[in-house]
Protein backbone atom coordinates (compact mmCIF):
# COMPACT_ATOMS: atom_id res chain seq x y z
CA MET A 1 0.18 -0.10 0.05
CA SER A 2 1.04 3.40 -0.65
CA LYS A 3 1.69 5.99 1.77
CA PHE A 4 -1.16 7.63 0.58
CA GLY A 5 -3.75 4.83 0.79
CA ARG A 6 -4.29 3.46 -2.10
CA GLY A 7 -2.35 6.14 -4.22
CA LEU A 8 -2.91 9.87 -4.32
CA ASN A 9 -4.28 9.49 -7.65
CA ARG A 10 -6.73 7.08 -6.31
CA GLU A 11 -7.70 8.50 -3.46
CA ILE A 12 -8.17 12.00 -5.22
CA VAL A 13 -10.39 9.86 -7.34
CA GLY A 14 -12.65 8.29 -4.73
CA ALA A 15 -12.70 11.55 -2.72
CA VAL A 16 -14.53 13.19 -5.99
CA ASN A 17 -16.98 9.88 -5.99
CA ARG A 18 -17.78 9.84 -2.49
CA GLY A 19 -18.36 13.66 -2.66
CA GLU A 20 -15.65 14.58 -0.16
CA LEU A 21 -14.16 16.71 -3.26
CA ALA A 22 -15.90 19.15 -5.61
CA GLU A 23 -14.75 19.60 -8.93
CA PRO A 24 -12.89 20.76 -10.98
CA LEU A 25 -9.78 19.88 -9.04
CA THR A 26 -6.96 21.84 -8.52
CA ILE A 27 -3.51 21.68 -6.62
CA GLU A 28 -5.03 23.75 -4.15
CA VAL A 29 -7.81 21.53 -3.53
CA VAL A 30 -5.60 18.57 -3.39
CA ARG A 31 -2.89 20.33 -1.34
CA GLU A 32 -5.86 20.81 1.17
CA PHE A 33 -7.12 17.24 0.99
CA ALA A 34 -4.00 15.77 1.91
CA LEU A 35 -3.98 17.82 4.71
CA ARG A 36 -7.09 16.76 5.88
CA SER A 37 -5.72 12.96 5.25
CA GLY A 38 -2.56 13.55 7.60
CA TRP A 39 -0.18 13.47 4.25
CA ALA A 40 2.81 15.29 4.07
CA VAL A 41 3.02 15.26 0.37
CA ARG A 42 5.64 17.35 -0.99
CA GLU A 43 5.12 20.18 -3.00
CA THR A 44 6.93 18.84 -6.14
CA HIS A 45 4.36 15.57 -5.91
CA LEU A 46 1.65 17.66 -5.66
CA ARG A 47 2.74 19.88 -8.55
CA VAL A 48 2.91 17.07 -10.85
CA THR A 49 -0.09 14.93 -9.37
CA LEU A 50 -3.12 16.40 -11.83
CA ALA A 51 -0.95 17.28 -14.33
CA ASN A 52 0.85 14.03 -14.80
CA ALA A 53 -2.44 11.67 -14.52
CA ALA A 54 -3.97 13.63 -17.13
CA SER A 55 -1.08 13.49 -19.75
CA ARG A 56 -1.90 11.54 -22.59
CA GLY A 57 2.01 11.67 -23.18
CA HIS A 58 3.25 10.46 -19.73
CA SER A 59 3.91 6.81 -19.11
CA PRO A 60 1.58 4.54 -21.28
CA THR A 61 1.27 2.02 -18.04
CA TYR A 62 0.73 5.35 -15.87
CA ARG A 63 -3.28 5.45 -15.57
CA LYS A 64 -4.81 8.61 -16.91
CA TYR A 65 -7.61 9.58 -13.90
CA PHE A 66 -8.33 13.16 -14.80
CA GLU A 67 -8.70 14.99 -17.96
CA PRO A 68 -7.72 18.81 -18.36
CA VAL A 69 -10.76 21.48 -18.75
CA GLY A 70 -8.51 24.44 -18.62
CA ARG A 71 -6.13 26.95 -16.47
CA GLY A 72 -5.00 24.19 -14.12
CA ARG A 73 -8.41 22.50 -13.46
CA TYR A 74 -8.97 18.91 -14.11
CA ARG A 75 -12.34 16.43 -13.64
CA VAL A 76 -12.21 12.74 -12.97
CA ARG A 77 -12.60 11.02 -16.40
CA ARG A 78 -15.77 9.18 -17.36
CA GLU A 79 -14.33 5.68 -16.92
CA TYR A 80 -13.58 6.39 -13.39
CA ARG A 81 -16.80 7.65 -11.98
CA GLY A 82 -18.19 6.26 -9.61
CA VAL A 83 -15.10 3.84 -8.74
CA GLU A 84 -14.22 3.02 -5.17
CA TRP A 85 -11.05 1.48 -4.14
CA TYR A 86 -11.33 -0.58 -1.22
């Protein structure tokens, strides 16, 4: 298990699906979520979390959980809506 539970991106998707986080997501929203969850997430990790998880050019094995909606804002991709990891 990752230090962020199931992994930071999966935790974000789960929080959106449970209604704990509202979209559009931003780095600030994710930062507050991590603080509330008691995680000490490095700023560099926060800055790439949403962007890397949305980038089609990132590693082909890296899941694309989010899609950009402009100006540093993201939403959960349709195929991950309603998904909860236990």
